[in-house]
PDB file of N, CA and C in Angstrom:
ATOM      1  N   MET A   1     -58.099  55.567  39.004  1.00  0.00           N
ATOM      2  CA  MET A   1     -57.330  56.783  38.809  1.00  0.00           C
ATOM      3  C   MET A   1     -58.190  57.849  38.152  1.00  0.00           C
ATOM      4  N   ARG A   2     -57.883  59.108  38.452  1.00  0.00           N
ATOM      5  CA  ARG A   2     -58.596  60.217  37.830  1.00  0.00           C
ATOM      6  C   ARG A   2     -58.167  60.354  36.376  1.00  0.00           C
ATOM      7  N   GLU A   3     -59.030  60.958  35.602  1.00  0.00           N
ATOM      8  CA  GLU A   3     -58.773  61.143  34.178  1.00  0.00           C
ATOM      9  C   GLU A   3     -57.600  62.080  33.926  1.00  0.00           C
ATOM     10  N   ILE A   4     -56.835  61.773  32.894  1.00  0.00           N
ATOM     11  CA  ILE A   4     -55.783  62.661  32.423  1.00  0.00           C
ATOM     12  C   ILE A   4     -56.192  63.154  31.035  1.00  0.00           C
ATOM     13  N   ARG A   5     -55.586  64.277  30.621  1.00  0.00           N
ATOM     14  CA  ARG A   5     -55.832  64.804  29.280  1.00  0.00           C
ATOM     15  C   ARG A   5     -54.508  64.832  28.524  1.00  0.00           C
ATOM     16  N   VAL A   6     -54.521  64.256  27.333  1.00  0.00           N
ATOM     17  CA  VAL A   6     -53.333  64.193  26.487  1.00  0.00           C
ATOM     18  C   VAL A   6     -53.538  65.133  25.310  1.00  0.00           C
ATOM     19  N   TYR A   7     -52.585  66.031  25.089  1.00  0.00           N
ATOM     20  CA  TYR A   7     -52.629  66.997  23.998  1.00  0.00           C
ATOM     21  C   TYR A   7     -51.567  66.613  22.975  1.00  0.00           C
ATOM     22  N   TYR A   8     -52.008  66.358  21.765  1.00  0.00           N
ATOM     23  CA  TYR A   8     -51.098  65.908  20.710  1.00  0.00           C
ATOM     24  C   TYR A   8     -51.420  66.643  19.415  1.00  0.00           C
ATOM     25  N   ASN A   9     -50.524  66.498  18.436  1.00  0.00           N
ATOM     26  CA  ASN A   9     -50.646  67.187  17.161  1.00  0.00           C
ATOM     27  C   ASN A   9     -50.845  66.157  16.050  1.00  0.00           C
ATOM     28  N   SER A  10     -52.078  66.001  15.587  1.00  0.00           N
ATOM     29  CA  SER A  10     -52.372  65.006  14.550  1.00  0.00           C
ATOM     30  C   SER A  10     -51.820  65.389  13.185  1.00  0.00           C
ATOM     31  N   ALA A  11     -51.390  66.631  12.990  1.00  0.00           N
ATOM     32  CA  ALA A  11     -50.816  67.042  11.707  1.00  0.00           C
ATOM     33  C   ALA A  11     -49.446  66.401  11.487  1.00  0.00           C
ATOM     34  N   CYS A  12     -48.807  65.982  12.550  1.00  0.00           N
ATOM     35  CA  CYS A  12     -47.521  65.275  12.459  1.00  0.00           C
ATOM     36  C   CYS A  12     -47.820  63.792  12.258  1.00  0.00           C
ATOM     37  N   PRO A  13     -47.437  63.213  11.117  1.00  0.00           N
ATOM     38  CA  PRO A  13     -47.762  61.800  10.876  1.00  0.00           C
ATOM     39  C   PRO A  13     -47.128  60.849  11.892  1.00  0.00           C
ATOM     40  N   VAL A  14     -45.937  61.156  12.347  1.00  0.00           N
ATOM     41  CA  VAL A  14     -45.267  60.304  13.340  1.00  0.00           C
ATOM     42  C   VAL A  14     -46.008  60.380  14.668  1.00  0.00           C
ATOM     43  N   CYS A  15     -46.346  61.589  15.088  1.00  0.00           N
ATOM     44  CA  CYS A  15     -47.080  61.780  16.344  1.00  0.00           C
ATOM     45  C   CYS A  15     -48.453  61.128  16.281  1.00  0.00           C
ATOM     46  N   ASN A  16     -49.123  61.314  15.167  1.00  0.00           N
ATOM     47  CA  ASN A  16     -50.465  60.770  15.016  1.00  0.00           C
ATOM     48  C   ASN A  16     -50.441  59.242  15.058  1.00  0.00           C
ATOM     49  N   ALA A  17     -49.452  58.635  14.417  1.00  0.00           N
ATOM     50  CA  ALA A  17     -49.340  57.170  14.453  1.00  0.00           C
ATOM     51  C   ALA A  17     -49.080  56.686  15.878  1.00  0.00           C
ATOM     52  N   GLY A  18     -48.211  57.381  16.592  1.00  0.00           N
ATOM     53  CA  GLY A  18     -47.920  57.002  17.976  1.00  0.00           C
ATOM     54  C   GLY A  18     -49.140  57.130  18.875  1.00  0.00           C
ATOM     55  N   ILE A  19     -49.876  58.200  18.719  1.00  0.00           N
ATOM     56  CA  ILE A  19     -51.077  58.408  19.535  1.00  0.00           C
ATOM     57  C   ILE A  19     -52.152  57.391  19.173  1.00  0.00           C
ATOM     58  N   THR A  20     -52.310  57.102  17.890  1.00  0.00           N
ATOM     59  CA  THR A  20     -53.291  56.100  17.464  1.00  0.00           C
ATOM     60  C   THR A  20     -52.987  54.754  18.113  1.00  0.00           C
ATOM     61  N   HIS A  21     -51.719  54.382  18.110  1.00  0.00           N
ATOM     62  CA  HIS A  21     -51.297  53.128  18.751  1.00  0.00           C
ATOM     63  C   HIS A  21     -51.557  53.171  20.255  1.00  0.00           C
ATOM     64  N   GLN A  22     -51.199  54.279  20.896  1.00  0.00           N
ATOM     65  CA  GLN A  22     -51.372  54.402  22.346  1.00  0.00           C
ATOM     66  C   GLN A  22     -52.852  54.401  22.727  1.00  0.00           C
ATOM     67  N   ARG A  23     -53.672  55.021  21.932  1.00  0.00           N
ATOM     68  CA  ARG A  23     -55.118  55.038  22.213  1.00  0.00           C
ATOM     69  C   ARG A  23     -55.683  53.623  22.204  1.00  0.00           C
ATOM     70  N   ARG A  24     -55.216  52.806  21.269  1.00  0.00           N
ATOM     71  CA  ARG A  24     -55.675  51.407  21.243  1.00  0.00           C
ATOM     72  C   ARG A  24     -55.228  50.674  22.500  1.00  0.00           C
ATOM     73  N   ARG A  25     -53.990  50.905  22.919  1.00  0.00           N
ATOM     74  CA  ARG A  25     -53.466  50.256  24.122  1.00  0.00           C
ATOM     75  C   ARG A  25     -54.231  50.681  25.367  1.00  0.00           C
ATOM     76  N   MET A  26     -54.755  51.901  25.343  1.00  0.00           N
ATOM     77  CA  MET A  26     -55.391  52.461  26.529  1.00  0.00           C
ATOM     78  C   MET A  26     -56.911  52.536  26.418  1.00  0.00           C
ATOM     79  N   ALA A  27     -57.467  51.792  25.496  1.00  0.00           N
ATOM     80  CA  ALA A  27     -58.927  51.784  25.350  1.00  0.00           C
ATOM     81  C   ALA A  27     -59.549  51.420  26.696  1.00  0.00           C
ATOM     82  N   GLY A  28     -60.501  52.188  27.132  1.00  0.00           N
ATOM     83  CA  GLY A  28     -61.161  51.940  28.412  1.00  0.00           C
ATOM     84  C   GLY A  28     -60.503  52.625  29.593  1.00  0.00           C
ATOM     85  N   CYS A  29     -59.343  53.253  29.372  1.00  0.00           N
ATOM     86  CA  CYS A  29     -58.659  53.973  30.453  1.00  0.00           C
ATOM     87  C   CYS A  29     -59.230  55.394  30.553  1.00  0.00           C
ATOM     88  N   ALA A  30     -59.023  55.998  31.695  1.00  0.00           N
ATOM     89  CA  ALA A  30     -59.530  57.349  31.954  1.00  0.00           C
ATOM     90  C   ALA A  30     -58.602  58.389  31.321  1.00  0.00           C
ATOM     91  N   VAL A  31     -58.737  58.532  29.996  1.00  0.00           N
ATOM     92  CA  VAL A  31     -57.901  59.471  29.245  1.00  0.00           C
ATOM     93  C   VAL A  31     -58.784  60.256  28.281  1.00  0.00           C
ATOM     94  N   GLN A  32     -58.538  61.545  28.223  1.00  0.00           N
ATOM     95  CA  GLN A  32     -59.199  62.395  27.251  1.00  0.00           C
ATOM     96  C   GLN A  32     -58.127  62.814  26.245  1.00  0.00           C
ATOM     97  N   TRP A  33     -58.324  62.485  24.988  1.00  0.00           N
ATOM     98  CA  TRP A  33     -57.361  62.762  23.931  1.00  0.00           C
ATOM     99  C   TRP A  33     -57.746  64.071  23.244  1.00  0.00           C
ATOM    100  N   ARG A  34     -56.829  65.050  23.231  1.00  0.00           N
ATOM    101  CA  ARG A  34     -57.125  66.375  22.693  1.00  0.00           C
ATOM    102  C   ARG A  34     -56.141  66.698  21.558  1.00  0.00           C
ATOM    103  N   ASP A  35     -56.665  66.855  20.365  1.00  0.00           N
ATOM    104  CA  ASP A  35     -55.870  67.132  19.170  1.00  0.00           C
ATOM    105  C   ASP A  35     -55.744  68.643  18.987  1.00  0.00           C
ATOM    106  N   VAL A  36     -54.555  69.186  19.204  1.00  0.00           N
ATOM    107  CA  VAL A  36     -54.359  70.636  19.108  1.00  0.00           C
ATOM    108  C   VAL A  36     -54.367  71.128  17.665  1.00  0.00           C
ATOM    109  N   HIS A  37     -54.254  70.213  16.716  1.00  0.00           N
ATOM    110  CA  HIS A  37     -54.299  70.616  15.316  1.00  0.00           C
ATOM    111  C   HIS A  37     -55.740  70.863  14.855  1.00  0.00           C
ATOM    112  N   ARG A  38     -56.644  70.022  15.270  1.00  0.00           N
ATOM    113  CA  ARG A  38     -58.028  70.102  14.808  1.00  0.00           C
ATOM    114  C   ARG A  38     -58.973  70.815  15.768  1.00  0.00           C
ATOM    115  N   ASP A  39     -58.597  70.932  17.019  1.00  0.00           N
ATOM    116  CA  ASP A  39     -59.502  71.453  18.040  1.00  0.00           C
ATOM    117  C   ASP A  39     -58.982  72.789  18.581  1.00  0.00           C
ATOM    118  N   LEU A  40     -59.589  73.875  18.150  1.00  0.00           N
ATOM    119  CA  LEU A  40     -59.139  75.201  18.575  1.00  0.00           C
ATOM    120  C   LEU A  40     -59.245  75.398  20.083  1.00  0.00           C
ATOM    121  N   ALA A  41     -60.277  74.842  20.697  1.00  0.00           N
ATOM    122  CA  ALA A  41     -60.442  74.981  22.146  1.00  0.00           C
ATOM    123  C   ALA A  41     -59.312  74.278  22.887  1.00  0.00           C
ATOM    124  N   ALA A  42     -58.872  73.147  22.385  1.00  0.00           N
ATOM    125  CA  ALA A  42     -57.780  72.404  23.034  1.00  0.00           C
ATOM    126  C   ALA A  42     -56.493  73.221  23.039  1.00  0.00           C
ATOM    127  N   ARG A  43     -56.266  73.969  21.985  1.00  0.00           N
ATOM    128  CA  ARG A  43     -55.059  74.805  21.899  1.00  0.00           C
ATOM    129  C   ARG A  43     -54.986  75.802  23.038  1.00  0.00           C
ATOM    130  N   ARG A  44     -56.139  76.315  23.447  1.00  0.00           N
ATOM    131  CA  ARG A  44     -56.163  77.344  24.483  1.00  0.00           C
ATOM    132  C   ARG A  44     -56.088  76.771  25.899  1.00  0.00           C
ATOM    133  N   GLU A  45     -56.222  75.461  26.041  1.00  0.00           N
ATOM    134  CA  GLU A  45     -56.189  74.848  27.369  1.00  0.00           C
ATOM    135  C   GLU A  45     -54.781  74.717  27.924  1.00  0.00           C
ATOM    136  N   ILE A  46     -53.792  74.818  27.067  1.00  0.00           N
ATOM    137  CA  ILE A  46     -52.393  74.747  27.486  1.00  0.00           C
ATOM    138  C   ILE A  46     -51.815  76.161  27.381  1.00  0.00           C
ATOM    139  N   PRO A  47     -51.382  76.739  28.505  1.00  0.00           N
ATOM    140  CA  PRO A  47     -50.883  78.122  28.466  1.00  0.00           C
ATOM    141  C   PRO A  47     -49.443  78.195  27.937  1.00  0.00           C
ATOM    142  N   ALA A  48     -49.304  77.883  26.662  1.00  0.00           N
ATOM    143  CA  ALA A  48     -48.000  77.949  25.998  1.00  0.00           C
ATOM    144  C   ALA A  48     -48.246  78.324  24.548  1.00  0.00           C
ATOM    145  N   GLU A  49     -47.207  78.756  23.897  1.00  0.00           N
ATOM    146  CA  GLU A  49     -47.316  79.080  22.478  1.00  0.00           C
ATOM    147  C   GLU A  49     -47.736  77.842  21.702  1.00  0.00           C
ATOM    148  N   LEU A  50     -48.574  78.040  20.699  1.00  0.00           N
ATOM    149  CA  LEU A  50     -49.065  76.930  19.889  1.00  0.00           C
ATOM    150  C   LEU A  50     -47.923  76.117  19.292  1.00  0.00           C
ATOM    151  N   GLU A  51     -46.878  76.767  18.829  1.00  0.00           N
ATOM    152  CA  GLU A  51     -45.765  76.034  18.211  1.00  0.00           C
ATOM    153  C   GLU A  51     -45.075  75.119  19.215  1.00  0.00           C
ATOM    154  N   TYR A  52     -44.996  75.532  20.480  1.00  0.00           N
ATOM    155  CA  TYR A  52     -44.408  74.671  21.514  1.00  0.00           C
ATOM    156  C   TYR A  52     -45.315  73.473  21.789  1.00  0.00           C
ATOM    157  N   VAL A  53     -46.612  73.696  21.778  1.00  0.00           N
ATOM    158  CA  VAL A  53     -47.561  72.609  21.995  1.00  0.00           C
ATOM    159  C   VAL A  53     -47.517  71.642  20.816  1.00  0.00           C
ATOM    160  N   ARG A  54     -47.319  72.152  19.610  1.00  0.00           N
ATOM    161  CA  ARG A  54     -47.178  71.284  18.437  1.00  0.00           C
ATOM    162  C   ARG A  54     -45.905  70.454  18.501  1.00  0.00           C
ATOM    163  N   GLU A  55     -44.872  71.025  19.071  1.00  0.00           N
ATOM    164  CA  GLU A  55     -43.564  70.366  19.092  1.00  0.00           C
ATOM    165  C   GLU A  55     -43.477  69.232  20.105  1.00  0.00           C
ATOM    166  N   ARG A  56     -44.150  69.358  21.212  1.00  0.00           N
ATOM    167  CA  ARG A  56     -44.004  68.392  22.301  1.00  0.00           C
ATOM    168  C   ARG A  56     -45.350  67.863  22.762  1.00  0.00           C
ATOM    169  N   LEU A  57     -45.325  66.637  23.200  1.00  0.00           N
ATOM    170  CA  LEU A  57     -46.509  66.025  23.790  1.00  0.00           C
ATOM    171  C   LEU A  57     -46.779  66.694  25.133  1.00  0.00           C
ATOM    172  N   HIS A  58     -48.044  66.975  25.423  1.00  0.00           N
ATOM    173  CA  HIS A  58     -48.441  67.584  26.694  1.00  0.00           C
ATOM    174  C   HIS A  58     -49.524  66.751  27.347  1.00  0.00           C
ATOM    175  N   VAL A  59     -49.509  66.732  28.674  1.00  0.00           N
ATOM    176  CA  VAL A  59     -50.511  66.006  29.457  1.00  0.00           C
ATOM    177  C   VAL A  59     -50.897  66.881  30.645  1.00  0.00           C
ATOM    178  N   VAL A  60     -52.174  66.874  30.966  1.00  0.00           N
ATOM    179  CA  VAL A  60     -52.620  67.431  32.236  1.00  0.00           C
ATOM    180  C   VAL A  60     -52.861  66.221  33.125  1.00  0.00           C
ATOM    181  N   ASP A  61     -52.092  66.128  34.215  1.00  0.00           N
ATOM    182  CA  ASP A  61     -52.150  64.945  35.076  1.00  0.00           C
ATOM    183  C   ASP A  61     -53.358  64.975  36.007  1.00  0.00           C
ATOM    184  N   GLU A  62     -53.433  63.976  36.885  1.00  0.00           N
ATOM    185  CA  GLU A  62     -54.578  63.818  37.797  1.00  0.00           C
ATOM    186  C   GLU A  62     -54.771  65.010  38.719  1.00  0.00           C
ATOM    187  N   ALA A  63     -53.682  65.693  39.020  1.00  0.00           N
ATOM    188  CA  ALA A  63     -53.743  66.837  39.935  1.00  0.00           C
ATOM    189  C   ALA A  63     -53.938  68.158  39.197  1.00  0.00           C
ATOM    190  N   GLY A  64     -54.084  68.095  37.869  1.00  0.00           N
ATOM    191  CA  GLY A  64     -54.284  69.302  37.092  1.00  0.00           C
ATOM    192  C   GLY A  64     -53.006  69.996  36.667  1.00  0.00           C
ATOM    193  N   ARG A  65     -51.857  69.362  36.887  1.00  0.00           N
ATOM    194  CA  ARG A  65     -50.571  69.950  36.493  1.00  0.00           C
ATOM    195  C   ARG A  65     -50.285  69.634  35.024  1.00  0.00           C
ATOM    196  N   ILE A  66     -49.729  70.606  34.321  1.00  0.00           N
ATOM    197  CA  ILE A  66     -49.363  70.415  32.921  1.00  0.00           C
ATOM    198  C   ILE A  66     -47.955  69.844  32.861  1.00  0.00           C
ATOM    199  N   ARG A  67     -47.824  68.748  32.138  1.00  0.00           N
ATOM    200  CA  ARG A  67     -46.526  68.086  31.953  1.00  0.00           C
ATOM    201  C   ARG A  67     -46.253  68.007  30.461  1.00  0.00           C
ATOM    202  N   SER A  68     -44.994  68.097  30.066  1.00  0.00           N
ATOM    203  CA  SER A  68     -44.663  67.967  28.655  1.00  0.00           C
ATOM    204  C   SER A  68     -43.446  67.079  28.471  1.00  0.00           C
ATOM    205  N   GLY A  69     -43.273  66.628  27.233  1.00  0.00           N
ATOM    206  CA  GLY A  69     -42.115  65.818  26.894  1.00  0.00           C
ATOM    207  C   GLY A  69     -42.075  64.498  27.639  1.00  0.00           C
ATOM    208  N   VAL A  70     -40.923  64.184  28.188  1.00  0.00           N
ATOM    209  CA  VAL A  70     -40.719  62.930  28.910  1.00  0.00           C
ATOM    210  C   VAL A  70     -41.658  62.830  30.105  1.00  0.00           C
ATOM    211  N   ASP A  71     -41.901  63.928  30.784  1.00  0.00           N
ATOM    212  CA  ASP A  71     -42.833  63.928  31.913  1.00  0.00           C
ATOM    213  C   ASP A  71     -44.233  63.509  31.468  1.00  0.00           C
ATOM    214  N   ALA A  72     -44.632  63.943  30.274  1.00  0.00           N
ATOM    215  CA  ALA A  72     -45.948  63.565  29.734  1.00  0.00           C
ATOM    216  C   ALA A  72     -46.003  62.066  29.459  1.00  0.00           C
ATOM    217  N   PHE A  73     -44.942  61.529  28.867  1.00  0.00           N
ATOM    218  CA  PHE A  73     -44.908  60.089  28.615  1.00  0.00           C
ATOM    219  C   PHE A  73     -44.986  59.296  29.917  1.00  0.00           C
ATOM    220  N   GLU A  74     -44.320  59.767  30.942  1.00  0.00           N
ATOM    221  CA  GLU A  74     -44.364  59.072  32.226  1.00  0.00           C
ATOM    222  C   GLU A  74     -45.800  58.983  32.751  1.00  0.00           C
ATOM    223  N   ILE A  75     -46.535  60.074  32.654  1.00  0.00           N
ATOM    224  CA  ILE A  75     -47.927  60.082  33.112  1.00  0.00           C
ATOM    225  C   ILE A  75     -48.761  59.111  32.279  1.00  0.00           C
ATOM    226  N   ILE A  76     -48.613  59.169  30.970  1.00  0.00           N
ATOM    227  CA  ILE A  76     -49.372  58.271  30.089  1.00  0.00           C
ATOM    228  C   ILE A  76     -49.080  56.821  30.431  1.00  0.00           C
ATOM    229  N   TRP A  77     -47.824  56.475  30.541  1.00  0.00           N
ATOM    230  CA  TRP A  77     -47.456  55.077  30.820  1.00  0.00           C
ATOM    231  C   TRP A  77     -47.893  54.633  32.202  1.00  0.00           C
ATOM    232  N   ARG A  78     -47.935  55.560  33.150  1.00  0.00           N
ATOM    233  CA  ARG A  78     -48.428  55.214  34.482  1.00  0.00           C
ATOM    234  C   ARG A  78     -49.908  54.833  34.444  1.00  0.00           C
ATOM    235  N   HIS A  79     -50.636  55.372  33.497  1.00  0.00           N
ATOM    236  CA  HIS A  79     -52.073  55.107  33.371  1.00  0.00           C
ATOM    237  C   HIS A  79     -52.392  53.995  32.388  1.00  0.00           C
ATOM    238  N   SER A  80     -51.394  53.497  31.720  1.00  0.00           N
ATOM    239  CA  SER A  80     -51.607  52.501  30.663  1.00  0.00           C
ATOM    240  C   SER A  80     -51.370  51.083  31.182  1.00  0.00           C
ATOM    241  N   PRO A  81     -52.309  50.187  30.919  1.00  0.00           N
ATOM    242  CA  PRO A  81     -52.110  48.799  31.335  1.00  0.00           C
ATOM    243  C   PRO A  81     -50.842  48.223  30.691  1.00  0.00           C
ATOM    244  N   HIS A  82     -50.094  47.520  31.452  1.00  0.00           N
ATOM    245  CA  HIS A  82     -48.882  46.825  30.988  1.00  0.00           C
ATOM    246  C   HIS A  82     -47.729  47.753  30.602  1.00  0.00           C
ATOM    247  N   GLU A  83     -47.824  49.041  30.898  1.00  0.00           N
ATOM    248  CA  GLU A  83     -46.724  49.957  30.573  1.00  0.00           C
ATOM    249  C   GLU A  83     -46.188  50.693  31.798  1.00  0.00           C
ATOM    250  N   HIS A  84     -46.600  50.265  32.963  1.00  0.00           N
ATOM    251  CA  HIS A  84     -46.106  50.908  34.190  1.00  0.00           C
ATOM    252  C   HIS A  84     -44.591  50.808  34.294  1.00  0.00           C
ATOM    253  N   TRP A  85     -44.035  49.722  33.784  1.00  0.00           N
ATOM    254  CA  TRP A  85     -42.585  49.523  33.855  1.00  0.00           C
ATOM    255  C   TRP A  85     -41.844  50.626  33.095  1.00  0.00           C
ATOM    256  N   LYS A  86     -42.415  51.129  32.012  1.00  0.00           N
ATOM    257  CA  LYS A  86     -41.778  52.218  31.265  1.00  0.00           C
ATOM    258  C   LYS A  86     -41.745  53.490  32.107  1.00  0.00           C
ATOM    259  N   ALA A  87     -42.828  53.758  32.812  1.00  0.00           N
ATOM    260  CA  ALA A  87     -42.879  54.944  33.685  1.00  0.00           C
ATOM    261  C   ALA A  87     -41.824  54.836  34.783  1.00  0.00           C
ATOM    262  N   ARG A  88     -41.690  53.654  35.367  1.00  0.00           N
ATOM    263  CA  ARG A  88     -40.674  53.461  36.416  1.00  0.00           C
ATOM    264  C   ARG A  88     -39.264  53.579  35.850  1.00  0.00           C
ATOM    265  N   LEU A  89     -39.053  53.055  34.640  1.00  0.00           N
ATOM    266  CA  LEU A  89     -37.725  53.102  34.018  1.00  0.00           C
ATOM    267  C   LEU A  89     -37.287  54.533  33.749  1.00  0.00           C
ATOM    268  N   ILE A  90     -38.158  55.338  33.113  1.00  0.00           N
ATOM    269  CA  ILE A  90     -37.719  56.700  32.790  1.00  0.00           C
ATOM    270  C   ILE A  90     -37.674  57.611  34.011  1.00  0.00           C
ATOM    271  N   ALA A  91     -38.191  57.163  35.134  1.00  0.00           N
ATOM    272  CA  ALA A  91     -38.119  57.949  36.365  1.00  0.00           C
ATOM    273  C   ALA A  91     -36.796  57.742  37.103  1.00  0.00           C
ATOM    274  N   LEU A  92     -36.015  56.749  36.695  1.00  0.00           N
ATOM    275  CA  LEU A  92     -34.745  56.477  37.369  1.00  0.00           C
ATOM    276  C   LEU A  92     -33.786  57.659  37.203  1.00  0.00           C
ATOM    277  N   PRO A  93     -33.057  57.998  38.264  1.00  0.00           N
ATOM    278  CA  PRO A  93     -32.193  59.184  38.242  1.00  0.00           C
ATOM    279  C   PRO A  93     -31.149  59.200  37.120  1.00  0.00           C
ATOM    280  N   LEU A  94     -30.607  58.067  36.745  1.00  0.00           N
ATOM    281  CA  LEU A  94     -29.606  58.062  35.675  1.00  0.00           C
ATOM    282  C   LEU A  94     -30.237  57.983  34.287  1.00  0.00           C
ATOM    283  N   VAL A  95     -31.427  57.497  34.214  1.00  0.00           N
ATOM    284  CA  VAL A  95     -32.105  57.340  32.926  1.00  0.00           C
ATOM    285  C   VAL A  95     -32.798  58.637  32.513  1.00  0.00           C
ATOM    286  N   ARG A  96     -33.441  59.309  33.458  1.00  0.00           N
ATOM    287  CA  ARG A  96     -34.253  60.490  33.159  1.00  0.00           C
ATOM    288  C   ARG A  96     -33.506  61.556  32.363  1.00  0.00           C
ATOM    289  N   PRO A  97     -32.311  61.985  32.782  1.00  0.00           N
ATOM    290  CA  PRO A  97     -31.621  63.043  32.019  1.00  0.00           C
ATOM    291  C   PRO A  97     -31.280  62.612  30.592  1.00  0.00           C
ATOM    292  N   LEU A  98     -30.878  61.379  30.413  1.00  0.00           N
ATOM    293  CA  LEU A  98     -30.535  60.888  29.079  1.00  0.00           C
ATOM    294  C   LEU A  98     -31.771  60.841  28.179  1.00  0.00           C
ATOM    295  N   VAL A  99     -32.852  60.285  28.692  1.00  0.00           N
ATOM    296  CA  VAL A  99     -34.092  60.194  27.911  1.00  0.00           C
ATOM    297  C   VAL A  99     -34.616  61.592  27.592  1.00  0.00           C
ATOM    298  N   THR A 100     -34.477  62.519  28.510  1.00  0.00           N
ATOM    299  CA  THR A 100     -34.935  63.887  28.283  1.00  0.00           C
ATOM    300  C   THR A 100     -34.160  64.545  27.147  1.00  0.00           C
ATOM    301  N   VAL A 101     -32.852  64.406  27.151  1.00  0.00           N
ATOM    302  CA  VAL A 101     -32.028  64.981  26.078  1.00  0.00           C
ATOM    303  C   VAL A 101     -32.401  64.354  24.734  1.00  0.00           C
ATOM    304  N   LEU A 102     -32.548  63.036  24.709  1.00  0.00           N
ATOM    305  CA  LEU A 102     -32.906  62.342  23.468  1.00  0.00           C
ATOM    306  C   LEU A 102     -34.294  62.766  22.967  1.00  0.00           C
ATOM    307  N   TYR A 103     -35.256  62.821  23.878  1.00  0.00           N
ATOM    308  CA  TYR A 103     -36.615  63.235  23.484  1.00  0.00           C
ATOM    309  C   TYR A 103     -36.610  64.659  22.950  1.00  0.00           C
ATOM    310  N   ASN A 104     -35.951  65.572  23.652  1.00  0.00           N
ATOM    311  CA  ASN A 104     -35.941  66.968  23.228  1.00  0.00           C
ATOM    312  C   ASN A 104     -35.314  67.126  21.841  1.00  0.00           C
ATOM    313  N   ALA A 105     -34.227  66.412  21.587  1.00  0.00           N
ATOM    314  CA  ALA A 105     -33.584  66.479  20.272  1.00  0.00           C
ATOM    315  C   ALA A 105     -34.499  65.887  19.193  1.00  0.00           C
ATOM    316  N   PHE A 106     -35.118  64.759  19.494  1.00  0.00           N
ATOM    317  CA  PHE A 106     -36.020  64.126  18.536  1.00  0.00           C
ATOM    318  C   PHE A 106     -37.228  65.012  18.261  1.00  0.00           C
ATOM    319  N   ALA A 107     -37.829  65.559  19.312  1.00  0.00           N
ATOM    320  CA  ALA A 107     -39.015  66.411  19.152  1.00  0.00           C
ATOM    321  C   ALA A 107     -38.681  67.648  18.329  1.00  0.00           C
ATOM    322  N   ARG A 108     -37.540  68.247  18.589  1.00  0.00           N
ATOM    323  CA  ARG A 108     -37.153  69.452  17.840  1.00  0.00           C
ATOM    324  C   ARG A 108     -36.931  69.125  16.366  1.00  0.00           C
ATOM    325  N   GLY A 109     -36.211  68.024  16.105  1.00  0.00           N
ATOM    326  CA  GLY A 109     -35.965  67.606  14.724  1.00  0.00           C
ATOM    327  C   GLY A 109     -37.256  67.259  14.002  1.00  0.00           C
ATOM    328  N   LEU A 110     -38.142  66.561  14.676  1.00  0.00           N
ATOM    329  CA  LEU A 110     -39.424  66.186  14.083  1.00  0.00           C
ATOM    330  C   LEU A 110     -40.272  67.426  13.798  1.00  0.00           C
ATOM    331  N   TYR A 111     -40.251  68.372  14.705  1.00  0.00           N
ATOM    332  CA  TYR A 111     -40.978  69.627  14.506  1.00  0.00           C
ATOM    333  C   TYR A 111     -40.458  70.343  13.256  1.00  0.00           C
ATOM    334  N   LYS A 112     -39.146  70.452  13.136  1.00  0.00           N
ATOM    335  CA  LYS A 112     -38.558  71.127  11.977  1.00  0.00           C
ATOM    336  C   LYS A 112     -38.906  70.390  10.681  1.00  0.00           C
ATOM    337  N   TRP A 113     -38.862  69.081  10.713  1.00  0.00           N
ATOM    338  CA  TRP A 113     -39.213  68.288   9.540  1.00  0.00           C
ATOM    339  C   TRP A 113     -40.673  68.538   9.147  1.00  0.00           C
ATOM    340  N   ASN A 114     -41.568  68.539  10.129  1.00  0.00           N
ATOM    341  CA  ASN A 114     -42.984  68.793   9.861  1.00  0.00           C
ATOM    342  C   ASN A 114     -43.198  70.180   9.257  1.00  0.00           C
ATOM    343  N   ARG A 115     -42.484  71.163   9.748  1.00  0.00           N
ATOM    344  CA  ARG A 115     -42.590  72.520   9.191  1.00  0.00           C
ATOM    345  C   ARG A 115     -42.079  72.527   7.753  1.00  0.00           C
ATOM    346  N   TRP A 116     -40.966  71.865   7.510  1.00  0.00           N
ATOM    347  CA  TRP A 116     -40.385  71.802   6.180  1.00  0.00           C
ATOM    348  C   TRP A 116     -41.338  71.092   5.205  1.00  0.00           C
ATOM    349  N   MET A 117     -42.024  70.069   5.690  1.00  0.00           N
ATOM    350  CA  MET A 117     -42.986  69.318   4.872  1.00  0.00           C
ATOM    351  C   MET A 117     -44.336  70.037   4.770  1.00  0.00           C
ATOM    352  N   ARG A 118     -44.472  71.158   5.483  1.00  0.00           N
ATOM    353  CA  ARG A 118     -45.687  71.977   5.466  1.00  0.00           C
ATOM    354  C   ARG A 118     -46.923  71.200   5.962  1.00  0.00           C
ATOM    355  N   HIS A 119     -46.724  70.446   7.040  1.00  0.00           N
ATOM    356  CA  HIS A 119     -47.862  69.716   7.630  1.00  0.00           C
ATOM    357  C   HIS A 119     -48.802  70.664   8.358  1.00  0.00           C
ATOM    358  N   TRP A 120     -48.345  71.870   8.634  1.00  0.00           N
ATOM    359  CA  TRP A 120     -49.215  72.907   9.178  1.00  0.00           C
ATOM    360  C   TRP A 120     -48.669  74.269   8.805  1.00  0.00           C
TER     361      TRP A 120
END
């Protein structure tokens, strides 16, 4: 598979822990990990407001398309050994809308918490 690029915010302790875990699971996979908190160039690679990029996980897929939120997780899991089943599960027509609503609510709440805690 072609390389994907994952854009995450290491200033968020929850996000950073999740990415650290995922990076270990995907060691040796064709993934470029881009930290939008520490890497100014990475921030400019996603044509969205910085605060939106901080709030949600973003991925540039094999075809160069930018995906965020649940769509980003689907791409990551599709490229991760032993996690293809998660990508297939969240792609199901009845599961996708529910997972999207849950992710969006969680991401928004986590973003607000991080701002309140002054992580950036």
